[in-house]
């Protein structure tokens, strides 16, 4: 695979991930405002989780040129951080259903913080890919 091919695939991976990011943000916003039920949130997050797994495994299978291997790893780490955010939010839902409000709110806050950290990493890596493509 050439460098340009790899960068184009990276760009597409980030575009697909960006869509999932928007969906996660929407679910967390609805959770904060009490505008979504646990079952609805669980179903939406589970669908996002499956989409992220597909994106991750497809990207992981790429064979980047040697000079792009660090970018490949950086993008994989970034994708993993979004998956961790989803896992934390699933914990929030589980604790909420059990009626453990205090612990649930801590998990919701943690998932919000993780999402914000992901967004920053995502933006940085996206800018790197854009610069390399030019």
N, C-alpha and C. Protein backbone atom coordinates (compact mmCIF):
# COMPACT_ATOMS: atom_id res chain seq x y z
N UNK A 1 0.84 -1.16 0.00
CA UNK A 1 0.00 0.00 0.00
C UNK A 1 0.89 1.24 0.00
N UNK A 2 0.53 2.18 -0.83
CA UNK A 2 1.32 3.41 -0.90
C UNK A 2 0.92 4.35 0.24
N UNK A 3 1.74 5.34 0.46
CA UNK A 3 1.47 6.32 1.51
C UNK A 3 0.15 7.04 1.24
N UNK A 4 -0.05 7.42 -0.01
CA UNK A 4 -1.27 8.15 -0.37
C UNK A 4 -2.52 7.28 -0.16
N UNK A 5 -2.43 6.00 -0.54
CA UNK A 5 -3.56 5.10 -0.33
C UNK A 5 -3.87 4.96 1.16
N UNK A 6 -2.81 4.80 1.94
CA UNK A 6 -2.99 4.67 3.38
C UNK A 6 -3.63 5.92 3.97
N UNK A 7 -3.17 7.09 3.55
CA UNK A 7 -3.72 8.33 4.08
C UNK A 7 -5.18 8.52 3.69
N UNK A 8 -5.54 8.11 2.48
CA UNK A 8 -6.94 8.20 2.05
C UNK A 8 -7.81 7.26 2.88
N UNK A 9 -7.31 6.06 3.16
CA UNK A 9 -8.06 5.12 4.00
C UNK A 9 -8.15 5.65 5.42
N UNK A 10 -7.11 6.30 5.89
CA UNK A 10 -7.12 6.90 7.22
C UNK A 10 -8.17 8.01 7.28
N UNK A 11 -8.21 8.81 6.25
CA UNK A 11 -9.18 9.90 6.17
C UNK A 11 -10.61 9.35 6.20
N UNK A 12 -10.85 8.27 5.45
CA UNK A 12 -12.18 7.65 5.44
C UNK A 12 -12.53 7.06 6.81
N UNK A 13 -11.55 6.46 7.46
CA UNK A 13 -11.75 5.92 8.80
C UNK A 13 -12.15 7.03 9.76
N UNK A 14 -11.46 8.14 9.68
CA UNK A 14 -11.77 9.27 10.56
C UNK A 14 -13.14 9.88 10.24
N UNK A 15 -13.49 9.89 8.97
CA UNK A 15 -14.81 10.40 8.59
C UNK A 15 -15.91 9.52 9.18
N UNK A 16 -15.75 8.20 9.07
CA UNK A 16 -16.72 7.26 9.63
C UNK A 16 -16.78 7.38 11.16
N UNK A 17 -15.64 7.57 11.77
CA UNK A 17 -15.58 7.72 13.22
C UNK A 17 -16.24 9.02 13.65
N UNK A 18 -16.08 10.06 12.86
CA UNK A 18 -16.71 11.34 13.17
C UNK A 18 -18.22 11.23 13.26
N UNK A 19 -18.79 10.43 12.40
CA UNK A 19 -20.25 10.20 12.44
C UNK A 19 -20.63 9.54 13.76
N UNK A 20 -19.84 8.54 14.17
CA UNK A 20 -20.11 7.85 15.43
C UNK A 20 -19.94 8.80 16.62
N UNK A 21 -18.95 9.67 16.53
CA UNK A 21 -18.72 10.67 17.58
C UNK A 21 -19.96 11.53 17.78
N UNK A 22 -20.53 11.99 16.69
CA UNK A 22 -21.73 12.82 16.78
C UNK A 22 -22.88 12.06 17.43
N UNK A 23 -23.01 10.80 17.10
CA UNK A 23 -24.07 9.98 17.68
C UNK A 23 -23.87 9.77 19.18
N UNK A 24 -22.62 9.55 19.58
CA UNK A 24 -22.32 9.38 21.02
C UNK A 24 -22.61 10.68 21.76
N UNK A 25 -22.18 11.79 21.20
CA UNK A 25 -22.43 13.08 21.84
C UNK A 25 -23.93 13.31 22.03
N UNK A 26 -24.71 12.93 21.04
CA UNK A 26 -26.16 13.12 21.13
C UNK A 26 -26.74 12.27 22.26
N UNK A 27 -26.31 11.02 22.37
CA UNK A 27 -26.81 10.14 23.42
C UNK A 27 -26.44 10.69 24.80
N UNK A 28 -25.18 11.09 24.97
CA UNK A 28 -24.74 11.60 26.27
C UNK A 28 -25.49 12.90 26.61
N UNK A 29 -25.71 13.75 25.63
CA UNK A 29 -26.49 14.97 25.85
C UNK A 29 -27.91 14.62 26.32
N UNK A 30 -28.52 13.64 25.66
CA UNK A 30 -29.86 13.23 26.05
C UNK A 30 -29.88 12.62 27.45
N UNK A 31 -28.83 11.89 27.79
CA UNK A 31 -28.74 11.32 29.14
C UNK A 31 -28.63 12.42 30.18
N UNK A 32 -27.81 13.43 29.91
CA UNK A 32 -27.63 14.55 30.84
C UNK A 32 -28.95 15.25 31.13
N UNK A 33 -29.75 15.37 30.11
CA UNK A 33 -31.01 16.11 30.22
C UNK A 33 -32.21 15.23 30.52
N UNK A 34 -31.97 13.95 30.73
CA UNK A 34 -33.06 13.03 31.06
C UNK A 34 -34.05 12.84 29.93
N UNK A 35 -33.60 13.01 28.70
CA UNK A 35 -34.50 12.92 27.55
C UNK A 35 -34.40 11.58 26.82
N UNK A 36 -33.81 10.59 27.49
CA UNK A 36 -33.69 9.28 26.85
C UNK A 36 -33.83 8.22 27.95
N UNK A 37 -34.51 7.15 27.60
CA UNK A 37 -34.67 6.07 28.57
C UNK A 37 -33.46 5.13 28.49
N UNK A 38 -33.29 4.34 29.52
CA UNK A 38 -32.12 3.46 29.59
C UNK A 38 -32.07 2.48 28.43
N UNK A 39 -33.22 1.91 28.10
CA UNK A 39 -33.25 0.92 27.02
C UNK A 39 -32.91 1.57 25.68
N UNK A 40 -33.44 2.75 25.43
CA UNK A 40 -33.14 3.47 24.19
C UNK A 40 -31.67 3.83 24.10
N UNK A 41 -31.12 4.32 25.21
CA UNK A 41 -29.70 4.67 25.23
C UNK A 41 -28.84 3.43 25.02
N UNK A 42 -29.20 2.35 25.69
CA UNK A 42 -28.44 1.11 25.56
C UNK A 42 -28.43 0.63 24.11
N UNK A 43 -29.59 0.64 23.47
CA UNK A 43 -29.68 0.19 22.08
C UNK A 43 -28.85 1.07 21.15
N UNK A 44 -28.94 2.37 21.33
CA UNK A 44 -28.17 3.29 20.48
C UNK A 44 -26.67 3.10 20.69
N UNK A 45 -26.26 3.00 21.96
CA UNK A 45 -24.83 2.83 22.24
C UNK A 45 -24.32 1.48 21.75
N UNK A 46 -25.15 0.47 21.82
CA UNK A 46 -24.74 -0.85 21.34
C UNK A 46 -24.53 -0.82 19.83
N UNK A 47 -25.39 -0.13 19.12
CA UNK A 47 -25.24 0.00 17.67
C UNK A 47 -23.96 0.77 17.34
N UNK A 48 -23.70 1.85 18.09
CA UNK A 48 -22.48 2.63 17.88
C UNK A 48 -21.26 1.77 18.17
N UNK A 49 -21.32 0.98 19.26
CA UNK A 49 -20.21 0.09 19.63
C UNK A 49 -19.90 -0.89 18.50
N UNK A 50 -20.92 -1.48 17.92
CA UNK A 50 -20.72 -2.41 16.81
C UNK A 50 -20.10 -1.71 15.61
N UNK A 51 -20.59 -0.51 15.31
CA UNK A 51 -20.02 0.26 14.20
C UNK A 51 -18.55 0.58 14.46
N UNK A 52 -18.23 0.96 15.70
CA UNK A 52 -16.84 1.28 16.04
C UNK A 52 -15.95 0.05 15.95
N UNK A 53 -16.46 -1.09 16.34
CA UNK A 53 -15.67 -2.32 16.22
C UNK A 53 -15.35 -2.60 14.76
N UNK A 54 -16.34 -2.43 13.90
CA UNK A 54 -16.13 -2.64 12.47
C UNK A 54 -15.08 -1.67 11.93
N UNK A 55 -15.22 -0.40 12.27
CA UNK A 55 -14.26 0.61 11.83
C UNK A 55 -12.86 0.26 12.33
N UNK A 56 -12.76 -0.09 13.61
CA UNK A 56 -11.47 -0.40 14.22
C UNK A 56 -10.81 -1.59 13.54
N UNK A 57 -11.54 -2.68 13.38
CA UNK A 57 -10.93 -3.89 12.81
C UNK A 57 -10.55 -3.72 11.35
N UNK A 58 -11.35 -2.97 10.60
CA UNK A 58 -10.99 -2.71 9.20
C UNK A 58 -9.72 -1.87 9.13
N UNK A 59 -9.62 -0.89 10.00
CA UNK A 59 -8.44 -0.03 9.99
C UNK A 59 -7.22 -0.79 10.52
N UNK A 60 -7.43 -1.60 11.53
CA UNK A 60 -6.32 -2.37 12.11
C UNK A 60 -5.69 -3.30 11.07
N UNK A 61 -6.50 -3.82 10.16
CA UNK A 61 -6.01 -4.76 9.15
C UNK A 61 -5.16 -4.10 8.06
N UNK A 62 -5.18 -2.78 7.98
CA UNK A 62 -4.37 -2.10 6.96
C UNK A 62 -2.89 -2.37 7.19
N UNK A 63 -2.17 -2.43 6.12
CA UNK A 63 -0.71 -2.59 6.16
C UNK A 63 -0.09 -1.28 5.69
N UNK A 64 0.14 -0.36 6.64
CA UNK A 64 0.66 0.95 6.23
C UNK A 64 2.13 0.87 5.82
N UNK A 65 2.57 1.80 4.99
CA UNK A 65 4.00 1.88 4.69
C UNK A 65 4.75 2.14 6.01
N UNK A 66 5.99 1.72 6.05
CA UNK A 66 6.75 1.81 7.31
C UNK A 66 6.80 3.24 7.87
N UNK A 67 6.89 4.23 6.99
CA UNK A 67 6.97 5.60 7.49
C UNK A 67 5.63 6.11 8.05
N UNK A 68 4.57 5.34 7.89
CA UNK A 68 3.25 5.74 8.41
C UNK A 68 2.80 4.88 9.59
N UNK A 69 3.65 3.99 10.05
CA UNK A 69 3.23 3.08 11.12
C UNK A 69 2.90 3.81 12.42
N UNK A 70 3.61 4.89 12.72
CA UNK A 70 3.29 5.63 13.96
C UNK A 70 1.92 6.30 13.85
N UNK A 71 1.57 6.81 12.67
CA UNK A 71 0.25 7.40 12.47
C UNK A 71 -0.83 6.32 12.60
N UNK A 72 -0.56 5.15 12.06
CA UNK A 72 -1.49 4.03 12.15
C UNK A 72 -1.78 3.71 13.62
N UNK A 73 -0.74 3.61 14.41
CA UNK A 73 -0.89 3.30 15.84
C UNK A 73 -1.63 4.43 16.56
N UNK A 74 -1.31 5.66 16.22
CA UNK A 74 -1.97 6.81 16.84
C UNK A 74 -3.47 6.80 16.57
N UNK A 75 -3.84 6.49 15.34
CA UNK A 75 -5.27 6.44 15.00
C UNK A 75 -5.94 5.28 15.73
N UNK A 76 -5.29 4.13 15.79
CA UNK A 76 -5.86 2.99 16.52
C UNK A 76 -6.06 3.33 18.00
N UNK A 77 -5.08 4.01 18.59
CA UNK A 77 -5.21 4.42 20.00
C UNK A 77 -6.37 5.41 20.18
N UNK A 78 -6.54 6.28 19.22
CA UNK A 78 -7.64 7.24 19.28
C UNK A 78 -8.98 6.53 19.19
N UNK A 79 -9.08 5.56 18.29
CA UNK A 79 -10.31 4.79 18.17
C UNK A 79 -10.61 4.03 19.46
N UNK A 80 -9.57 3.50 20.07
CA UNK A 80 -9.73 2.77 21.32
C UNK A 80 -10.28 3.67 22.42
N UNK A 81 -9.85 4.93 22.43
CA UNK A 81 -10.34 5.84 23.47
C UNK A 81 -11.85 6.09 23.33
N UNK A 82 -12.37 6.09 22.12
CA UNK A 82 -13.82 6.24 21.95
C UNK A 82 -14.53 4.98 22.44
N UNK A 83 -13.94 3.82 22.19
CA UNK A 83 -14.53 2.58 22.67
C UNK A 83 -14.55 2.55 24.21
N UNK A 84 -13.52 3.11 24.83
CA UNK A 84 -13.50 3.20 26.30
C UNK A 84 -14.60 4.12 26.81
N UNK A 85 -14.85 5.19 26.08
CA UNK A 85 -15.94 6.10 26.45
C UNK A 85 -17.28 5.37 26.40
N UNK A 86 -17.46 4.57 25.37
CA UNK A 86 -18.70 3.79 25.27
C UNK A 86 -18.84 2.83 26.44
N UNK A 87 -17.76 2.17 26.81
CA UNK A 87 -17.79 1.22 27.93
C UNK A 87 -18.16 1.94 29.23
N UNK A 88 -17.59 3.10 29.45
CA UNK A 88 -17.90 3.87 30.66
C UNK A 88 -19.37 4.28 30.66
N UNK A 89 -19.88 4.64 29.49
CA UNK A 89 -21.28 5.04 29.43
C UNK A 89 -22.21 3.85 29.65
N UNK A 90 -21.81 2.67 29.19
CA UNK A 90 -22.59 1.46 29.49
C UNK A 90 -22.62 1.23 31.00
N UNK A 91 -21.49 1.49 31.68
CA UNK A 91 -21.45 1.36 33.14
C UNK A 91 -22.42 2.35 33.79
N UNK A 92 -22.48 3.56 33.26
CA UNK A 92 -23.44 4.55 33.76
C UNK A 92 -24.86 4.01 33.66
N UNK A 93 -25.20 3.44 32.51
CA UNK A 93 -26.55 2.92 32.32
C UNK A 93 -26.86 1.79 33.29
N UNK A 94 -25.89 0.91 33.49
CA UNK A 94 -26.09 -0.23 34.40
C UNK A 94 -26.30 0.26 35.83
N UNK A 95 -25.47 1.21 36.26
CA UNK A 95 -25.61 1.76 37.61
C UNK A 95 -26.92 2.52 37.77
N UNK A 96 -27.34 3.22 36.74
CA UNK A 96 -28.60 3.96 36.79
C UNK A 96 -29.78 3.02 36.93
N UNK A 97 -29.75 1.94 36.19
CA UNK A 97 -30.85 0.96 36.27
C UNK A 97 -30.93 0.32 37.65
N UNK A 98 -29.77 0.18 38.30
CA UNK A 98 -29.74 -0.41 39.64
C UNK A 98 -30.11 0.61 40.72
N UNK A 99 -30.32 1.86 40.31
CA UNK A 99 -30.71 2.89 41.26
C UNK A 99 -29.55 3.50 42.04
N UNK A 100 -28.34 3.28 41.59
CA UNK A 100 -27.15 3.82 42.26
C UNK A 100 -26.82 5.18 41.65
N UNK A 101 -27.60 6.17 42.05
CA UNK A 101 -27.53 7.49 41.43
C UNK A 101 -26.15 8.14 41.53
N UNK A 102 -25.57 8.15 42.72
CA UNK A 102 -24.29 8.84 42.91
C UNK A 102 -23.20 8.22 42.03
N UNK A 103 -23.08 6.89 42.06
CA UNK A 103 -22.07 6.21 41.26
C UNK A 103 -22.35 6.39 39.77
N UNK A 104 -23.63 6.38 39.42
CA UNK A 104 -24.01 6.55 38.01
C UNK A 104 -23.61 7.93 37.52
N UNK A 105 -23.87 8.95 38.32
CA UNK A 105 -23.51 10.31 37.91
C UNK A 105 -22.00 10.47 37.75
N UNK A 106 -21.23 9.77 38.59
CA UNK A 106 -19.77 9.80 38.44
C UNK A 106 -19.36 9.18 37.10
N UNK A 107 -19.99 8.08 36.73
CA UNK A 107 -19.68 7.43 35.45
C UNK A 107 -20.10 8.31 34.28
N UNK A 108 -21.23 8.98 34.42
CA UNK A 108 -21.67 9.88 33.34
C UNK A 108 -20.66 11.00 33.16
N UNK A 109 -20.22 11.58 34.26
CA UNK A 109 -19.21 12.65 34.20
C UNK A 109 -17.92 12.13 33.59
N UNK A 110 -17.52 10.92 34.00
CA UNK A 110 -16.29 10.33 33.44
C UNK A 110 -16.43 10.11 31.93
N UNK A 111 -17.58 9.62 31.50
CA UNK A 111 -17.77 9.40 30.06
C UNK A 111 -17.76 10.71 29.30
N UNK A 112 -18.29 11.78 29.91
CA UNK A 112 -18.26 13.10 29.27
C UNK A 112 -16.81 13.58 29.13
N UNK A 113 -16.04 13.40 30.19
CA UNK A 113 -14.63 13.81 30.16
C UNK A 113 -13.85 13.00 29.12
N UNK A 114 -14.09 11.70 29.09
CA UNK A 114 -13.41 10.85 28.11
C UNK A 114 -13.79 11.26 26.69
N UNK A 115 -15.05 11.60 26.50
CA UNK A 115 -15.50 12.00 25.17
C UNK A 115 -14.80 13.30 24.75
N UNK A 116 -14.66 14.22 25.68
CA UNK A 116 -13.98 15.48 25.37
C UNK A 116 -12.51 15.23 25.04
N UNK A 117 -11.86 14.36 25.79
CA UNK A 117 -10.46 14.01 25.50
C UNK A 117 -10.34 13.34 24.13
N UNK A 118 -11.29 12.45 23.83
CA UNK A 118 -11.29 11.80 22.52
C UNK A 118 -11.43 12.85 21.42
N UNK A 119 -12.34 13.77 21.62
CA UNK A 119 -12.60 14.79 20.59
C UNK A 119 -11.34 15.58 20.28
N UNK A 120 -10.57 15.91 21.32
CA UNK A 120 -9.32 16.64 21.12
C UNK A 120 -8.30 15.80 20.35
N UNK A 121 -8.14 14.56 20.75
CA UNK A 121 -7.21 13.65 20.05
C UNK A 121 -7.64 13.46 18.61
N UNK A 122 -8.94 13.27 18.44
CA UNK A 122 -9.51 13.04 17.11
C UNK A 122 -9.23 14.22 16.19
N UNK A 123 -9.40 15.41 16.72
CA UNK A 123 -9.15 16.61 15.92
C UNK A 123 -7.67 16.71 15.55
N UNK A 124 -6.79 16.43 16.49
CA UNK A 124 -5.35 16.49 16.22
C UNK A 124 -4.93 15.49 15.16
N UNK A 125 -5.39 14.26 15.30
CA UNK A 125 -4.99 13.24 14.33
C UNK A 125 -5.61 13.52 12.97
N UNK A 126 -6.80 14.06 12.95
CA UNK A 126 -7.43 14.44 11.68
C UNK A 126 -6.64 15.53 10.97
N UNK A 127 -6.13 16.48 11.73
CA UNK A 127 -5.32 17.54 11.15
C UNK A 127 -4.01 16.98 10.60
N UNK A 128 -3.42 16.01 11.30
CA UNK A 128 -2.19 15.39 10.80
C UNK A 128 -2.43 14.71 9.46
N UNK A 129 -3.50 13.98 9.37
CA UNK A 129 -3.82 13.28 8.12
C UNK A 129 -4.04 14.29 7.00
N UNK A 130 -4.75 15.36 7.29
CA UNK A 130 -4.99 16.40 6.27
C UNK A 130 -3.68 17.02 5.80
N UNK A 131 -2.78 17.29 6.73
CA UNK A 131 -1.48 17.89 6.37
C UNK A 131 -0.68 16.91 5.50
N UNK A 132 -0.65 15.65 5.89
CA UNK A 132 0.10 14.66 5.11
C UNK A 132 -0.48 14.44 3.72
N UNK A 133 -1.79 14.61 3.60
CA UNK A 133 -2.43 14.43 2.28
C UNK A 133 -2.12 15.57 1.32
N UNK A 134 -1.74 16.73 1.84
CA UNK A 134 -1.48 17.87 0.96
C UNK A 134 -0.11 17.81 0.34
